[in-house]
Amino acid sequence: MSKQIAVRLPDDLAAFVDAEVASGRAPSRAGVLTRALERERQHQQALSDIAILKKDLSADDLDDLAAYAARVPLDDLD
């Protein structure tokens, strides 16, 4: 199921969205925004996971894992 919403974007972001569609890198404006929001959701989940690891688990090897995860760019998560 999906829901239609109206989004107001600054001119430069709207131009970027349109360029993504025009170049064929995205099927539609909605596709560009969906991809961006999915990445943001993944990013927020990763930050949440890191916070849990740092707070609730004190094993030294997990500290290294949390530090590594905090440095991984979003593009590497895809």
PDB file of N, CA and C in Angstrom:
ATOM      1  N   MET A   1       0.849  -1.177   0.000  1.00  0.00           N
ATOM      2  CA  MET A   1       0.000   0.000   0.000  1.00  0.00           C
ATOM      3  C   MET A   1       0.893   1.238   0.000  1.00  0.00           C
ATOM      4  N   SER A   2       0.445   2.267  -0.621  1.00  0.00           N
ATOM      5  CA  SER A   2       1.196   3.519  -0.644  1.00  0.00           C
ATOM      6  C   SER A   2       0.244   4.681  -0.393  1.00  0.00           C
ATOM      7  N   LYS A   3       0.842   5.791  -0.022  1.00  0.00           N
ATOM      8  CA  LYS A   3       0.067   6.994   0.262  1.00  0.00           C
ATOM      9  C   LYS A   3       0.684   8.141  -0.521  1.00  0.00           C
ATOM     10  N   GLN A   4      -0.146   8.914  -1.167  1.00  0.00           N
ATOM     11  CA  GLN A   4       0.330  10.071  -1.909  1.00  0.00           C
ATOM     12  C   GLN A   4       0.414  11.265  -0.978  1.00  0.00           C
ATOM     13  N   ILE A   5       1.574  11.955  -1.030  1.00  0.00           N
ATOM     14  CA  ILE A   5       1.755  13.161  -0.233  1.00  0.00           C
ATOM     15  C   ILE A   5       2.324  14.256  -1.133  1.00  0.00           C
ATOM     16  N   ALA A   6       2.132  15.486  -0.718  1.00  0.00           N
ATOM     17  CA  ALA A   6       2.714  16.621  -1.433  1.00  0.00           C
ATOM     18  C   ALA A   6       3.951  17.069  -0.668  1.00  0.00           C
ATOM     19  N   VAL A   7       5.028  17.291  -1.397  1.00  0.00           N
ATOM     20  CA  VAL A   7       6.279  17.709  -0.779  1.00  0.00           C
ATOM     21  C   VAL A   7       6.765  18.965  -1.483  1.00  0.00           C
ATOM     22  N   ARG A   8       7.108  19.981  -0.711  1.00  0.00           N
ATOM     23  CA  ARG A   8       7.656  21.209  -1.275  1.00  0.00           C
ATOM     24  C   ARG A   8       9.163  21.160  -1.093  1.00  0.00           C
ATOM     25  N   LEU A   9       9.906  21.279  -2.214  1.00  0.00           N
ATOM     26  CA  LEU A   9      11.363  21.207  -2.193  1.00  0.00           C
ATOM     27  C   LEU A   9      11.968  22.524  -2.657  1.00  0.00           C
ATOM     28  N   PRO A  10      13.147  22.858  -2.137  1.00  0.00           N
ATOM     29  CA  PRO A  10      13.869  24.008  -2.686  1.00  0.00           C
ATOM     30  C   PRO A  10      14.186  23.756  -4.158  1.00  0.00           C
ATOM     31  N   ASP A  11      14.360  24.818  -4.915  1.00  0.00           N
ATOM     32  CA  ASP A  11      14.583  24.693  -6.358  1.00  0.00           C
ATOM     33  C   ASP A  11      15.750  23.775  -6.703  1.00  0.00           C
ATOM     34  N   ASP A  12      16.851  23.867  -5.952  1.00  0.00           N
ATOM     35  CA  ASP A  12      18.014  23.048  -6.290  1.00  0.00           C
ATOM     36  C   ASP A  12      17.752  21.557  -6.071  1.00  0.00           C
ATOM     37  N   LEU A  13      16.996  21.208  -5.027  1.00  0.00           N
ATOM     38  CA  LEU A  13      16.670  19.799  -4.810  1.00  0.00           C
ATOM     39  C   LEU A  13      15.671  19.294  -5.849  1.00  0.00           C
ATOM     40  N   ALA A  14      14.711  20.132  -6.220  1.00  0.00           N
ATOM     41  CA  ALA A  14      13.755  19.740  -7.259  1.00  0.00           C
ATOM     42  C   ALA A  14      14.483  19.519  -8.581  1.00  0.00           C
ATOM     43  N   ALA A  15      15.472  20.360  -8.887  1.00  0.00           N
ATOM     44  CA  ALA A  15      16.257  20.191 -10.114  1.00  0.00           C
ATOM     45  C   ALA A  15      17.056  18.895 -10.057  1.00  0.00           C
ATOM     46  N   PHE A  16      17.602  18.560  -8.890  1.00  0.00           N
ATOM     47  CA  PHE A  16      18.328  17.303  -8.738  1.00  0.00           C
ATOM     48  C   PHE A  16      17.408  16.112  -8.976  1.00  0.00           C
ATOM     49  N   VAL A  17      16.227  16.143  -8.383  1.00  0.00           N
ATOM     50  CA  VAL A  17      15.254  15.058  -8.558  1.00  0.00           C
ATOM     51  C   VAL A  17      14.921  14.901 -10.032  1.00  0.00           C
ATOM     52  N   ASP A  18      14.642  15.992 -10.703  1.00  0.00           N
ATOM     53  CA  ASP A  18      14.302  15.934 -12.129  1.00  0.00           C
ATOM     54  C   ASP A  18      15.472  15.426 -12.964  1.00  0.00           C
ATOM     55  N   ALA A  19      16.696  15.798 -12.602  1.00  0.00           N
ATOM     56  CA  ALA A  19      17.874  15.329 -13.332  1.00  0.00           C
ATOM     57  C   ALA A  19      18.063  13.823 -13.156  1.00  0.00           C
ATOM     58  N   GLU A  20      17.788  13.313 -11.978  1.00  0.00           N
ATOM     59  CA  GLU A  20      17.882  11.870 -11.744  1.00  0.00           C
ATOM     60  C   GLU A  20      16.905  11.113 -12.644  1.00  0.00           C
ATOM     61  N   VAL A  21      15.698  11.635 -12.766  1.00  0.00           N
ATOM     62  CA  VAL A  21      14.692  11.003 -13.625  1.00  0.00           C
ATOM     63  C   VAL A  21      15.088  11.138 -15.094  1.00  0.00           C
ATOM     64  N   ALA A  22      15.510  12.327 -15.499  1.00  0.00           N
ATOM     65  CA  ALA A  22      15.872  12.568 -16.902  1.00  0.00           C
ATOM     66  C   ALA A  22      17.046  11.697 -17.341  1.00  0.00           C
ATOM     67  N   SER A  23      17.968  11.429 -16.435  1.00  0.00           N
ATOM     68  CA  SER A  23      19.141  10.622 -16.783  1.00  0.00           C
ATOM     69  C   SER A  23      18.843   9.130 -16.791  1.00  0.00           C
ATOM     70  N   GLY A  24      17.686   8.745 -16.273  1.00  0.00           N
ATOM     71  CA  GLY A  24      17.339   7.333 -16.205  1.00  0.00           C
ATOM     72  C   GLY A  24      17.814   6.645 -14.937  1.00  0.00           C
ATOM     73  N   ARG A  25      18.431   7.385 -14.023  1.00  0.00           N
ATOM     74  CA  ARG A  25      18.895   6.786 -12.771  1.00  0.00           C
ATOM     75  C   ARG A  25      17.749   6.519 -11.805  1.00  0.00           C
ATOM     76  N   ALA A  26      16.586   7.081 -12.098  1.00  0.00           N
ATOM     77  CA  ALA A  26      15.397   6.841 -11.280  1.00  0.00           C
ATOM     78  C   ALA A  26      14.190   6.781 -12.201  1.00  0.00           C
ATOM     79  N   PRO A  27      13.216   5.962 -11.868  1.00  0.00           N
ATOM     80  CA  PRO A  27      12.040   5.822 -12.737  1.00  0.00           C
ATOM     81  C   PRO A  27      11.065   6.989 -12.654  1.00  0.00           C
ATOM     82  N   SER A  28      11.116   7.716 -11.542  1.00  0.00           N
ATOM     83  CA  SER A  28      10.162   8.811 -11.327  1.00  0.00           C
ATOM     84  C   SER A  28      10.645   9.685 -10.181  1.00  0.00           C
ATOM     85  N   ARG A  29       9.982  10.812 -10.018  1.00  0.00           N
ATOM     86  CA  ARG A  29      10.295  11.670  -8.869  1.00  0.00           C
ATOM     87  C   ARG A  29      10.063  10.911  -7.566  1.00  0.00           C
ATOM     88  N   ALA A  30       8.957  10.180  -7.531  1.00  0.00           N
ATOM     89  CA  ALA A  30       8.654   9.393  -6.331  1.00  0.00           C
ATOM     90  C   ALA A  30       9.757   8.373  -6.070  1.00  0.00           C
ATOM     91  N   GLY A  31      10.318   7.814  -7.123  1.00  0.00           N
ATOM     92  CA  GLY A  31      11.398   6.848  -6.968  1.00  0.00           C
ATOM     93  C   GLY A  31      12.630   7.463  -6.327  1.00  0.00           C
ATOM     94  N   VAL A  32      12.963   8.680  -6.727  1.00  0.00           N
ATOM     95  CA  VAL A  32      14.116   9.376  -6.143  1.00  0.00           C
ATOM     96  C   VAL A  32      13.877   9.618  -4.656  1.00  0.00           C
ATOM     97  N   LEU A  33      12.713  10.136  -4.330  1.00  0.00           N
ATOM     98  CA  LEU A  33      12.414  10.440  -2.932  1.00  0.00           C
ATOM     99  C   LEU A  33      12.308   9.176  -2.089  1.00  0.00           C
ATOM    100  N   THR A  34      11.735   8.122  -2.635  1.00  0.00           N
ATOM    101  CA  THR A  34      11.649   6.858  -1.909  1.00  0.00           C
ATOM    102  C   THR A  34      13.035   6.320  -1.608  1.00  0.00           C
ATOM    103  N   ARG A  35      13.924   6.341  -2.611  1.00  0.00           N
ATOM    104  CA  ARG A  35      15.293   5.872  -2.412  1.00  0.00           C
ATOM    105  C   ARG A  35      16.000   6.680  -1.324  1.00  0.00           C
ATOM    106  N   ALA A  36      15.836   7.997  -1.364  1.00  0.00           N
ATOM    107  CA  ALA A  36      16.482   8.853  -0.364  1.00  0.00           C
ATOM    108  C   ALA A  36      15.932   8.587   1.036  1.00  0.00           C
ATOM    109  N   LEU A  37      14.634   8.412   1.139  1.00  0.00           N
ATOM    110  CA  LEU A  37      14.039   8.162   2.452  1.00  0.00           C
ATOM    111  C   LEU A  37      14.396   6.774   2.983  1.00  0.00           C
ATOM    112  N   GLU A  38      14.503   5.786   2.101  1.00  0.00           N
ATOM    113  CA  GLU A  38      14.937   4.455   2.535  1.00  0.00           C
ATOM    114  C   GLU A  38      16.357   4.515   3.081  1.00  0.00           C
ATOM    115  N   ARG A  39      17.231   5.246   2.407  1.00  0.00           N
ATOM    116  CA  ARG A  39      18.606   5.403   2.897  1.00  0.00           C
ATOM    117  C   ARG A  39      18.633   6.114   4.240  1.00  0.00           C
ATOM    118  N   GLU A  40      17.818   7.126   4.390  1.00  0.00           N
ATOM    119  CA  GLU A  40      17.763   7.838   5.674  1.00  0.00           C
ATOM    120  C   GLU A  40      17.248   6.917   6.774  1.00  0.00           C
ATOM    121  N   ARG A  41      16.258   6.105   6.453  1.00  0.00           N
ATOM    122  CA  ARG A  41      15.745   5.155   7.448  1.00  0.00           C
ATOM    123  C   ARG A  41      16.835   4.159   7.851  1.00  0.00           C
ATOM    124  N   GLN A  42      17.593   3.646   6.870  1.00  0.00           N
ATOM    125  CA  GLN A  42      18.702   2.732   7.167  1.00  0.00           C
ATOM    126  C   GLN A  42      19.747   3.424   8.044  1.00  0.00           C
ATOM    127  N   HIS A  43      20.039   4.666   7.726  1.00  0.00           N
ATOM    128  CA  HIS A  43      21.017   5.430   8.495  1.00  0.00           C
ATOM    129  C   HIS A  43      20.563   5.591   9.945  1.00  0.00           C
ATOM    130  N   GLN A  44      19.306   5.975  10.132  1.00  0.00           N
ATOM    131  CA  GLN A  44      18.773   6.159  11.477  1.00  0.00           C
ATOM    132  C   GLN A  44      18.775   4.836  12.252  1.00  0.00           C
ATOM    133  N   GLN A  45      18.455   3.725  11.572  1.00  0.00           N
ATOM    134  CA  GLN A  45      18.477   2.420  12.225  1.00  0.00           C
ATOM    135  C   GLN A  45      19.900   2.054  12.638  1.00  0.00           C
ATOM    136  N   ALA A  46      20.862   2.339  11.771  1.00  0.00           N
ATOM    137  CA  ALA A  46      22.262   2.055  12.091  1.00  0.00           C
ATOM    138  C   ALA A  46      22.706   2.885  13.298  1.00  0.00           C
ATOM    139  N   LEU A  47      22.327   4.144  13.344  1.00  0.00           N
ATOM    140  CA  LEU A  47      22.670   4.979  14.493  1.00  0.00           C
ATOM    141  C   LEU A  47      22.044   4.444  15.776  1.00  0.00           C
ATOM    142  N   SER A  48      20.812   3.982  15.665  1.00  0.00           N
ATOM    143  CA  SER A  48      20.139   3.395  16.820  1.00  0.00           C
ATOM    144  C   SER A  48      20.852   2.132  17.285  1.00  0.00           C
ATOM    145  N   ASP A  49      21.232   1.287  16.332  1.00  0.00           N
ATOM    146  CA  ASP A  49      21.955   0.059  16.672  1.00  0.00           C
ATOM    147  C   ASP A  49      23.284   0.372  17.354  1.00  0.00           C
ATOM    148  N   ILE A  50      23.981   1.374  16.849  1.00  0.00           N
ATOM    149  CA  ILE A  50      25.263   1.775  17.447  1.00  0.00           C
ATOM    150  C   ILE A  50      25.049   2.263  18.877  1.00  0.00           C
ATOM    151  N   ALA A  51      24.017   3.050  19.082  1.00  0.00           N
ATOM    152  CA  ALA A  51      23.739   3.554  20.428  1.00  0.00           C
ATOM    153  C   ALA A  51      23.448   2.406  21.389  1.00  0.00           C
ATOM    154  N   ILE A  52      22.717   1.420  20.928  1.00  0.00           N
ATOM    155  CA  ILE A  52      22.421   0.249  21.768  1.00  0.00           C
ATOM    156  C   ILE A  52      23.707  -0.496  22.099  1.00  0.00           C
ATOM    157  N   LEU A  53      24.540  -0.697  21.087  1.00  0.00           N
ATOM    158  CA  LEU A  53      25.803  -1.400  21.327  1.00  0.00           C
ATOM    159  C   LEU A  53      26.677  -0.646  22.323  1.00  0.00           C
ATOM    160  N   LYS A  54      26.730   0.658  22.179  1.00  0.00           N
ATOM    161  CA  LYS A  54      27.571   1.452  23.076  1.00  0.00           C
ATOM    162  C   LYS A  54      27.019   1.482  24.498  1.00  0.00           C
ATOM    163  N   LYS A  55      25.717   1.494  24.643  1.00  0.00           N
ATOM    164  CA  LYS A  55      25.102   1.628  25.955  1.00  0.00           C
ATOM    165  C   LYS A  55      24.985   0.294  26.687  1.00  0.00           C
ATOM    166  N   ASP A  56      24.448  -0.704  26.012  1.00  0.00           N
ATOM    167  CA  ASP A  56      24.064  -1.932  26.694  1.00  0.00           C
ATOM    168  C   ASP A  56      25.118  -3.025  26.690  1.00  0.00           C
ATOM    169  N   LEU A  57      26.059  -2.956  25.798  1.00  0.00           N
ATOM    170  CA  LEU A  57      27.068  -4.004  25.711  1.00  0.00           C
ATOM    171  C   LEU A  57      28.429  -3.393  25.968  1.00  0.00           C
ATOM    172  N   SER A  58      29.147  -3.948  26.913  1.00  0.00           N
ATOM    173  CA  SER A  58      30.416  -3.345  27.266  1.00  0.00           C
ATOM    174  C   SER A  58      31.619  -4.172  26.826  1.00  0.00           C
ATOM    175  N   ALA A  59      31.417  -5.231  26.074  1.00  0.00           N
ATOM    176  CA  ALA A  59      32.545  -6.051  25.622  1.00  0.00           C
ATOM    177  C   ALA A  59      33.438  -5.221  24.703  1.00  0.00           C
ATOM    178  N   ASP A  60      34.745  -5.308  24.908  1.00  0.00           N
ATOM    179  CA  ASP A  60      35.696  -4.501  24.152  1.00  0.00           C
ATOM    180  C   ASP A  60      35.587  -4.720  22.649  1.00  0.00           C
ATOM    181  N   ASP A  61      35.356  -5.960  22.211  1.00  0.00           N
ATOM    182  CA  ASP A  61      35.291  -6.201  20.772  1.00  0.00           C
ATOM    183  C   ASP A  61      34.072  -5.533  20.138  1.00  0.00           C
ATOM    184  N   LEU A  62      33.014  -5.306  20.886  1.00  0.00           N
ATOM    185  CA  LEU A  62      31.846  -4.627  20.342  1.00  0.00           C
ATOM    186  C   LEU A  62      32.067  -3.123  20.230  1.00  0.00           C
ATOM    187  N   ASP A  63      32.947  -2.576  21.041  1.00  0.00           N
ATOM    188  CA  ASP A  63      33.280  -1.155  20.913  1.00  0.00           C
ATOM    189  C   ASP A  63      33.915  -0.886  19.552  1.00  0.00           C
ATOM    190  N   ASP A  64      34.791  -1.778  19.124  1.00  0.00           N
ATOM    191  CA  ASP A  64      35.413  -1.636  17.809  1.00  0.00           C
ATOM    192  C   ASP A  64      34.376  -1.748  16.699  1.00  0.00           C
ATOM    193  N   LEU A  65      33.426  -2.668  16.852  1.00  0.00           N
ATOM    194  CA  LEU A  65      32.367  -2.825  15.856  1.00  0.00           C
ATOM    195  C   LEU A  65      31.521  -1.562  15.761  1.00  0.00           C
ATOM    196  N   ALA A  66      31.160  -0.994  16.888  1.00  0.00           N
ATOM    197  CA  ALA A  66      30.349   0.220  16.890  1.00  0.00           C
ATOM    198  C   ALA A  66      31.106   1.380  16.254  1.00  0.00           C
ATOM    199  N   ALA A  67      32.378   1.501  16.551  1.00  0.00           N
ATOM    200  CA  ALA A  67      33.186   2.572  15.959  1.00  0.00           C
ATOM    201  C   ALA A  67      33.281   2.397  14.453  1.00  0.00           C
ATOM    202  N   TYR A  68      33.454   1.169  14.005  1.00  0.00           N
ATOM    203  CA  TYR A  68      33.516   0.905  12.562  1.00  0.00           C
ATOM    204  C   TYR A  68      32.183   1.257  11.908  1.00  0.00           C
ATOM    205  N   ALA A  69      31.083   0.813  12.493  1.00  0.00           N
ATOM    206  CA  ALA A  69      29.763   1.055  11.903  1.00  0.00           C
ATOM    207  C   ALA A  69      29.472   2.546  11.810  1.00  0.00           C
ATOM    208  N   ALA A  70      29.963   3.322  12.757  1.00  0.00           N
ATOM    209  CA  ALA A  70      29.735   4.770  12.740  1.00  0.00           C
ATOM    210  C   ALA A  70      30.480   5.443  11.593  1.00  0.00           C
ATOM    211  N   ARG A  71      31.538   4.809  11.093  1.00  0.00           N
ATOM    212  CA  ARG A  71      32.336   5.400  10.015  1.00  0.00           C
ATOM    213  C   ARG A  71      31.917   4.938   8.625  1.00  0.00           C
ATOM    214  N   VAL A  72      31.083   3.910   8.520  1.00  0.00           N
ATOM    215  CA  VAL A  72      30.714   3.361   7.216  1.00  0.00           C
ATOM    216  C   VAL A  72      29.747   4.311   6.517  1.00  0.00           C
ATOM    217  N   PRO A  73      30.110   4.805   5.316  1.00  0.00           N
ATOM    218  CA  PRO A  73      29.198   5.676   4.564  1.00  0.00           C
ATOM    219  C   PRO A  73      27.923   4.923   4.179  1.00  0.00           C
ATOM    220  N   LEU A  74      26.826   5.657   4.058  1.00  0.00           N
ATOM    221  CA  LEU A  74      25.553   5.039   3.697  1.00  0.00           C
ATOM    222  C   LEU A  74      25.628   4.287   2.387  1.00  0.00           C
ATOM    223  N   ASP A  75      26.357   4.797   1.424  1.00  0.00           N
ATOM    224  CA  ASP A  75      26.440   4.135   0.122  1.00  0.00           C
ATOM    225  C   ASP A  75      27.011   2.725   0.244  1.00  0.00           C
ATOM    226  N   ASP A  76      27.845   2.478   1.254  1.00  0.00           N
ATOM    227  CA  ASP A  76      28.428   1.153   1.445  1.00  0.00           C
ATOM    228  C   ASP A  76      27.440   0.181   2.052  1.00  0.00           C
ATOM    229  N   LEU A  77      26.312   0.687   2.571  1.00  0.00           N
ATOM    230  CA  LEU A  77      25.314  -0.178   3.187  1.00  0.00           C
ATOM    231  C   LEU A  77      24.372  -0.787   2.172  1.00  0.00           C
ATOM    232  N   ASP A  78      24.300  -0.235   0.991  1.00  0.00           N
ATOM    233  CA  ASP A  78      23.374  -0.727  -0.046  1.00  0.00           C
ATOM    234  C   ASP A  78      23.791  -2.070  -0.568  1.00  0.00           C
TER     235      ASP A  78
END
